[in-house]
Amino acid sequence: KRVAARRRWSGAIVALSAALLLAGCGAAAREWVKPGAAPIIRLALLPFDNQTPSLRAGGVASDLVASELLATGLVSLLDPSEVADLLRREGLEPSEPGRLPSAQRIGRLLQVTHVMQGSVTEYRYKPGVSETPVVGVSARVVEVASGEVVWTASHARSGSGWLAGDGLARIAQSIARDMAQHLTSALGGARGR
């Protein structure tokens, strides 16, 4: 009887843990690509605007997206430090994305076919029993020749806290990976098609 009771309790604990783990995970994503948009030949990734109280959230997100784009091998990405240097030479401060001129103007200056801009809307631990990590990132790609937005993505995701070892970095990394995969599958140039 004791063994059977332990097994029932063990099974109940495992089921409850799994339910809590799944209930703690939340995700929302919205992605769009303009039909017939030209493939990316050369992309400039601007630093993401940080709309959160976290000091480096914008820089972290844009660095993660750059890494994930490069990992696909399907997009030619202008070195982000080169982007920053070129903008500074023009008297523009890359650390203030909200004050930069239009993506089309920046793209012409940098001699790229497309420019990616983005923002981090949430990057925090939500108070509660397990301090759940929550990350929100939006991005868009502008085709320099036309000035039109040809791709957008908006992702919001929460982890499951201490039960699964999720943290802000892991959640942000998964968002960056998903964005890079969607972008490269949609507009990844000749090698991506």
C-alpha atoms as a PDB file:
ATOM      1  CA  LYS A   1       0.000   0.000   0.000  1.00  0.00           C
ATOM      2  CA  ARG A   2       2.808   2.417   0.846  1.00  0.00           C
ATOM      3  CA  VAL A   3       4.559   1.819  -2.472  1.00  0.00           C
ATOM      4  CA  ALA A   4       1.317   2.387  -4.393  1.00  0.00           C
ATOM      5  CA  ALA A   5       0.647   5.576  -2.407  1.00  0.00           C
ATOM      6  CA  ARG A   6       4.173   6.862  -3.108  1.00  0.00           C
ATOM      7  CA  ARG A   7       3.756   6.147  -6.811  1.00  0.00           C
ATOM      8  CA  ARG A   8       0.454   8.045  -6.876  1.00  0.00           C
ATOM      9  CA  TRP A   9       2.066  11.010  -5.081  1.00  0.00           C
ATOM     10  CA  SER A  10       5.108  10.877  -7.343  1.00  0.00           C
ATOM     11  CA  GLY A  11       2.872  10.812 -10.415  1.00  0.00           C
ATOM     12  CA  ALA A  12       0.780  13.666  -9.063  1.00  0.00           C
ATOM     13  CA  ILE A  13       3.885  15.757  -8.332  1.00  0.00           C
ATOM     14  CA  VAL A  14       5.291  15.122 -11.808  1.00  0.00           C
ATOM     15  CA  ALA A  15       1.941  16.020 -13.430  1.00  0.00           C
ATOM     16  CA  LEU A  16       1.620  19.173 -11.310  1.00  0.00           C
ATOM     17  CA  SER A  17       5.188  20.206 -12.109  1.00  0.00           C
ATOM     18  CA  ALA A  18       4.606  19.718 -15.829  1.00  0.00           C
ATOM     19  CA  ALA A  19       1.357  21.694 -15.685  1.00  0.00           C
ATOM     20  CA  LEU A  20       3.061  24.545 -13.823  1.00  0.00           C
ATOM     21  CA  LEU A  21       5.938  24.502 -16.278  1.00  0.00           C
ATOM     22  CA  LEU A  22       3.615  24.698 -19.279  1.00  0.00           C
ATOM     23  CA  ALA A  23       1.387  27.322 -17.656  1.00  0.00           C
ATOM     24  CA  GLY A  24       4.405  29.508 -16.967  1.00  0.00           C
ATOM     25  CA  CYS A  25       5.504  29.599 -20.607  1.00  0.00           C
ATOM     26  CA  GLY A  26       3.830  32.188 -22.743  1.00  0.00           C
ATOM     27  CA  ALA A  27       4.573  33.369 -26.224  1.00  0.00           C
ATOM     28  CA  ALA A  28       3.082  35.686 -28.798  1.00  0.00           C
ATOM     29  CA  ALA A  29       4.577  36.318 -32.205  1.00  0.00           C
ATOM     30  CA  ARG A  30       3.490  38.269 -35.224  1.00  0.00           C
ATOM     31  CA  GLU A  31       5.525  38.224 -38.426  1.00  0.00           C
ATOM     32  CA  TRP A  32       4.915  39.680 -41.876  1.00  0.00           C
ATOM     33  CA  VAL A  33       6.788  39.865 -45.164  1.00  0.00           C
ATOM     34  CA  LYS A  34       5.823  41.983 -48.163  1.00  0.00           C
ATOM     35  CA  PRO A  35       4.888  39.710 -51.062  1.00  0.00           C
ATOM     36  CA  GLY A  36       7.412  39.995 -53.874  1.00  0.00           C
ATOM     37  CA  ALA A  37       9.981  41.866 -51.770  1.00  0.00           C
ATOM     38  CA  ALA A  38      13.530  41.817 -53.108  1.00  0.00           C
ATOM     39  CA  PRO A  39      15.998  39.547 -51.304  1.00  0.00           C
ATOM     40  CA  ILE A  40      18.510  41.082 -48.946  1.00  0.00           C
ATOM     41  CA  ILE A  41      21.880  41.629 -50.593  1.00  0.00           C
ATOM     42  CA  ARG A  42      23.518  43.539 -47.723  1.00  0.00           C
ATOM     43  CA  LEU A  43      21.866  44.361 -44.389  1.00  0.00           C
ATOM     44  CA  ALA A  44      22.727  47.027 -41.820  1.00  0.00           C
ATOM     45  CA  LEU A  45      21.441  46.283 -38.332  1.00  0.00           C
ATOM     46  CA  LEU A  46      20.945  49.429 -36.260  1.00  0.00           C
ATOM     47  CA  PRO A  47      21.099  49.301 -32.457  1.00  0.00           C
ATOM     48  CA  PHE A  48      17.658  48.495 -31.076  1.00  0.00           C
ATOM     49  CA  ASP A  49      15.801  51.199 -29.187  1.00  0.00           C
ATOM     50  CA  ASN A  50      15.528  50.367 -25.499  1.00  0.00           C
ATOM     51  CA  GLN A  51      12.039  51.186 -24.199  1.00  0.00           C
ATOM     52  CA  THR A  52      12.585  49.443 -20.874  1.00  0.00           C
ATOM     53  CA  PRO A  53      14.174  50.437 -17.552  1.00  0.00           C
ATOM     54  CA  SER A  54      16.889  47.807 -18.134  1.00  0.00           C
ATOM     55  CA  LEU A  55      20.024  49.708 -19.156  1.00  0.00           C
ATOM     56  CA  ARG A  56      21.388  47.454 -21.918  1.00  0.00           C
ATOM     57  CA  ALA A  57      18.292  45.673 -23.226  1.00  0.00           C
ATOM     58  CA  GLY A  58      18.447  47.328 -26.666  1.00  0.00           C
ATOM     59  CA  GLY A  59      22.121  46.515 -27.141  1.00  0.00           C
ATOM     60  CA  VAL A  60      21.651  42.947 -25.951  1.00  0.00           C
ATOM     61  CA  ALA A  61      18.757  42.347 -28.343  1.00  0.00           C
ATOM     62  CA  SER A  62      20.503  43.812 -31.390  1.00  0.00           C
ATOM     63  CA  ASP A  63      23.690  41.844 -30.596  1.00  0.00           C
ATOM     64  CA  LEU A  64      21.689  38.614 -30.311  1.00  0.00           C
ATOM     65  CA  VAL A  65      19.853  39.248 -33.585  1.00  0.00           C
ATOM     66  CA  ALA A  66      23.177  39.985 -35.321  1.00  0.00           C
ATOM     67  CA  SER A  67      24.672  36.737 -34.015  1.00  0.00           C
ATOM     68  CA  GLU A  68      21.669  34.696 -35.079  1.00  0.00           C
ATOM     69  CA  LEU A  69      21.580  36.294 -38.551  1.00  0.00           C
ATOM     70  CA  LEU A  70      25.269  35.553 -39.050  1.00  0.00           C
ATOM     71  CA  ALA A  71      24.776  31.983 -37.826  1.00  0.00           C
ATOM     72  CA  THR A  72      22.296  31.320 -40.631  1.00  0.00           C
ATOM     73  CA  GLY A  73      24.907  32.200 -43.253  1.00  0.00           C
ATOM     74  CA  LEU A  74      22.083  33.445 -45.485  1.00  0.00           C
ATOM     75  CA  VAL A  75      22.432  37.224 -45.086  1.00  0.00           C
ATOM     76  CA  SER A  76      25.391  39.507 -45.664  1.00  0.00           C
ATOM     77  CA  LEU A  77      25.444  41.656 -42.542  1.00  0.00           C
ATOM     78  CA  LEU A  78      27.466  44.849 -42.280  1.00  0.00           C
ATOM     79  CA  ASP A  79      29.564  44.665 -39.090  1.00  0.00           C
ATOM     80  CA  PRO A  80      27.528  46.477 -36.380  1.00  0.00           C
ATOM     81  CA  SER A  81      30.681  48.241 -35.089  1.00  0.00           C
ATOM     82  CA  GLU A  82      31.289  49.514 -38.648  1.00  0.00           C
ATOM     83  CA  VAL A  83      27.695  50.790 -38.725  1.00  0.00           C
ATOM     84  CA  ALA A  84      28.298  52.663 -35.457  1.00  0.00           C
ATOM     85  CA  ASP A  85      31.602  54.133 -36.711  1.00  0.00           C
ATOM     86  CA  LEU A  86      30.078  55.327 -39.987  1.00  0.00           C
ATOM     87  CA  LEU A  87      27.132  56.921 -38.201  1.00  0.00           C
ATOM     88  CA  ARG A  88      29.427  58.722 -35.745  1.00  0.00           C
ATOM     89  CA  ARG A  89      31.510  60.079 -38.631  1.00  0.00           C
ATOM     90  CA  GLU A  90      28.293  61.629 -39.944  1.00  0.00           C
ATOM     91  CA  GLY A  91      27.606  63.228 -36.556  1.00  0.00           C
ATOM     92  CA  LEU A  92      24.902  60.720 -35.644  1.00  0.00           C
ATOM     93  CA  GLU A  93      24.814  58.901 -32.322  1.00  0.00           C
ATOM     94  CA  PRO A  94      23.979  55.200 -32.809  1.00  0.00           C
ATOM     95  CA  SER A  95      23.228  54.735 -29.106  1.00  0.00           C
ATOM     96  CA  GLU A  96      20.146  56.939 -29.561  1.00  0.00           C
ATOM     97  CA  PRO A  97      18.137  55.051 -32.205  1.00  0.00           C
ATOM     98  CA  GLY A  98      15.078  57.250 -31.719  1.00  0.00           C
ATOM     99  CA  ARG A  99      17.051  60.292 -32.913  1.00  0.00           C
ATOM    100  CA  LEU A 100      18.515  58.748 -36.072  1.00  0.00           C
ATOM    101  CA  PRO A 101      17.286  59.834 -39.510  1.00  0.00           C
ATOM    102  CA  SER A 102      15.139  57.586 -41.696  1.00  0.00           C
ATOM    103  CA  ALA A 103      16.233  54.043 -42.403  1.00  0.00           C
ATOM    104  CA  GLN A 104      16.316  54.860 -46.110  1.00  0.00           C
ATOM    105  CA  ARG A 105      18.755  57.746 -45.561  1.00  0.00           C
ATOM    106  CA  ILE A 106      20.935  55.628 -43.280  1.00  0.00           C
ATOM    107  CA  GLY A 107      20.879  52.776 -45.800  1.00  0.00           C
ATOM    108  CA  ARG A 108      22.096  55.060 -48.572  1.00  0.00           C
ATOM    109  CA  LEU A 109      24.823  56.386 -46.303  1.00  0.00           C
ATOM    110  CA  LEU A 110      25.938  52.850 -45.406  1.00  0.00           C
ATOM    111  CA  GLN A 111      25.536  51.555 -48.981  1.00  0.00           C
ATOM    112  CA  VAL A 112      23.327  48.609 -48.086  1.00  0.00           C
ATOM    113  CA  THR A 113      20.168  47.230 -49.680  1.00  0.00           C
ATOM    114  CA  HIS A 114      18.220  46.847 -46.433  1.00  0.00           C
ATOM    115  CA  VAL A 115      18.223  48.307 -42.918  1.00  0.00           C
ATOM    116  CA  MET A 116      16.882  46.612 -39.801  1.00  0.00           C
ATOM    117  CA  GLN A 117      15.566  48.691 -36.911  1.00  0.00           C
ATOM    118  CA  GLY A 118      14.045  47.401 -33.730  1.00  0.00           C
ATOM    119  CA  SER A 119      13.003  48.059 -30.188  1.00  0.00           C
ATOM    120  CA  VAL A 120      12.862  46.192 -26.928  1.00  0.00           C
ATOM    121  CA  THR A 121       9.526  46.788 -25.261  1.00  0.00           C
ATOM    122  CA  GLU A 122       9.924  44.493 -22.274  1.00  0.00           C
ATOM    123  CA  TYR A 123      12.967  43.007 -20.579  1.00  0.00           C
ATOM    124  CA  ARG A 124      12.356  42.180 -16.935  1.00  0.00           C
ATOM    125  CA  TYR A 125      11.497  39.638 -14.320  1.00  0.00           C
ATOM    126  CA  LYS A 126       7.801  39.682 -13.509  1.00  0.00           C
ATOM    127  CA  PRO A 127       7.289  39.586  -9.744  1.00  0.00           C
ATOM    128  CA  GLY A 128       5.700  36.495  -8.320  1.00  0.00           C
ATOM    129  CA  VAL A 129       6.521  33.200  -6.734  1.00  0.00           C
ATOM    130  CA  SER A 130       9.159  32.338  -9.309  1.00  0.00           C
ATOM    131  CA  GLU A 131      10.231  35.712 -10.807  1.00  0.00           C
ATOM    132  CA  THR A 132       9.194  34.923 -14.383  1.00  0.00           C
ATOM    133  CA  PRO A 133      11.419  36.404 -17.136  1.00  0.00           C
ATOM    134  CA  VAL A 134       9.513  38.444 -19.743  1.00  0.00           C
ATOM    135  CA  VAL A 135      10.958  39.773 -23.031  1.00  0.00           C
ATOM    136  CA  GLY A 136       9.318  41.720 -25.845  1.00  0.00           C
ATOM    137  CA  VAL A 137      11.098  42.661 -29.096  1.00  0.00           C
ATOM    138  CA  SER A 138       9.846  44.248 -32.311  1.00  0.00           C
ATOM    139  CA  ALA A 139      11.843  44.693 -35.518  1.00  0.00           C
ATOM    140  CA  ARG A 140      11.358  45.831 -39.089  1.00  0.00           C
ATOM    141  CA  VAL A 141      13.413  45.768 -42.274  1.00  0.00           C
ATOM    142  CA  VAL A 142      13.285  48.660 -44.723  1.00  0.00           C
ATOM    143  CA  GLU A 143      14.272  48.259 -48.357  1.00  0.00           C
ATOM    144  CA  VAL A 144      16.596  51.187 -49.067  1.00  0.00           C
ATOM    145  CA  ALA A 145      15.714  51.590 -52.764  1.00  0.00           C
ATOM    146  CA  SER A 146      11.993  52.117 -52.107  1.00  0.00           C
ATOM    147  CA  GLY A 147      11.932  53.188 -48.450  1.00  0.00           C
ATOM    148  CA  GLU A 148       9.229  50.588 -47.839  1.00  0.00           C
ATOM    149  CA  VAL A 149       8.959  48.267 -44.882  1.00  0.00           C
ATOM    150  CA  VAL A 150       9.295  44.751 -46.327  1.00  0.00           C
ATOM    151  CA  TRP A 151       9.441  42.642 -43.160  1.00  0.00           C
ATOM    152  CA  THR A 152       8.246  43.005 -39.587  1.00  0.00           C
ATOM    153  CA  ALA A 153       8.232  40.818 -36.512  1.00  0.00           C
ATOM    154  CA  SER A 154       7.009  41.317 -32.999  1.00  0.00           C
ATOM    155  CA  HIS A 155       7.659  38.718 -30.314  1.00  0.00           C
ATOM    156  CA  ALA A 156       6.669  38.650 -26.661  1.00  0.00           C
ATOM    157  CA  ARG A 157       7.679  35.714 -24.559  1.00  0.00           C
ATOM    158  CA  SER A 158       7.762  34.732 -20.927  1.00  0.00           C
ATOM    159  CA  GLY A 159       9.737  31.934 -19.396  1.00  0.00           C
ATOM    160  CA  SER A 160       8.800  29.582 -16.662  1.00  0.00           C
ATOM    161  CA  GLY A 161      11.166  30.912 -14.030  1.00  0.00           C
ATOM    162  CA  TRP A 162      13.178  28.741 -11.730  1.00  0.00           C
ATOM    163  CA  LEU A 163      11.416  25.492 -12.651  1.00  0.00           C
ATOM    164  CA  ALA A 164      13.090  25.362 -16.073  1.00  0.00           C
ATOM    165  CA  GLY A 165      16.078  27.609 -15.428  1.00  0.00           C
ATOM    166  CA  ASP A 166      14.810  30.221 -17.907  1.00  0.00           C
ATOM    167  CA  GLY A 167      16.382  33.641 -17.710  1.00  0.00           C
ATOM    168  CA  LEU A 168      16.168  36.872 -19.654  1.00  0.00           C
ATOM    169  CA  ALA A 169      19.151  35.939 -21.832  1.00  0.00           C
ATOM    170  CA  ARG A 170      17.688  32.557 -22.812  1.00  0.00           C
ATOM    171  CA  ILE A 171      14.302  34.071 -23.683  1.00  0.00           C
ATOM    172  CA  ALA A 172      15.914  36.926 -25.664  1.00  0.00           C
ATOM    173  CA  GLN A 173      18.133  34.414 -27.500  1.00  0.00           C
ATOM    174  CA  SER A 174      15.157  32.313 -28.566  1.00  0.00           C
ATOM    175  CA  ILE A 175      13.327  35.407 -29.846  1.00  0.00           C
ATOM    176  CA  ALA A 176      16.427  36.502 -31.796  1.00  0.00           C
ATOM    177  CA  ARG A 177      16.776  33.019 -33.291  1.00  0.00           C
ATOM    178  CA  ASP A 178      13.127  32.914 -34.362  1.00  0.00           C
ATOM    179  CA  MET A 179      13.338  36.384 -35.910  1.00  0.00           C
ATOM    180  CA  ALA A 180      16.532  35.535 -37.814  1.00  0.00           C
ATOM    181  CA  GLN A 181      15.071  32.280 -39.118  1.00  0.00           C
ATOM    182  CA  HIS A 182      11.897  33.978 -40.315  1.00  0.00           C
ATOM    183  CA  LEU A 183      13.765  36.847 -41.959  1.00  0.00           C
ATOM    184  CA  THR A 184      16.285  34.634 -43.738  1.00  0.00           C
ATOM    185  CA  SER A 185      13.634  32.196 -44.948  1.00  0.00           C
ATOM    186  CA  ALA A 186      11.628  35.116 -46.370  1.00  0.00           C
ATOM    187  CA  LEU A 187      14.349  37.434 -47.722  1.00  0.00           C
ATOM    188  CA  GLY A 188      17.613  35.520 -47.334  1.00  0.00           C
ATOM    189  CA  GLY A 189      19.103  36.253 -50.722  1.00  0.00           C
ATOM    190  CA  ALA A 190      20.297  33.799 -53.364  1.00  0.00           C
ATOM    191  CA  ARG A 191      21.844  31.361 -50.876  1.00  0.00           C
ATOM    192  CA  GLY A 192      18.632  31.282 -48.820  1.00  0.00           C
ATOM    193  CA  ARG A 193      16.345  30.378 -51.727  1.00  0.00           C
END
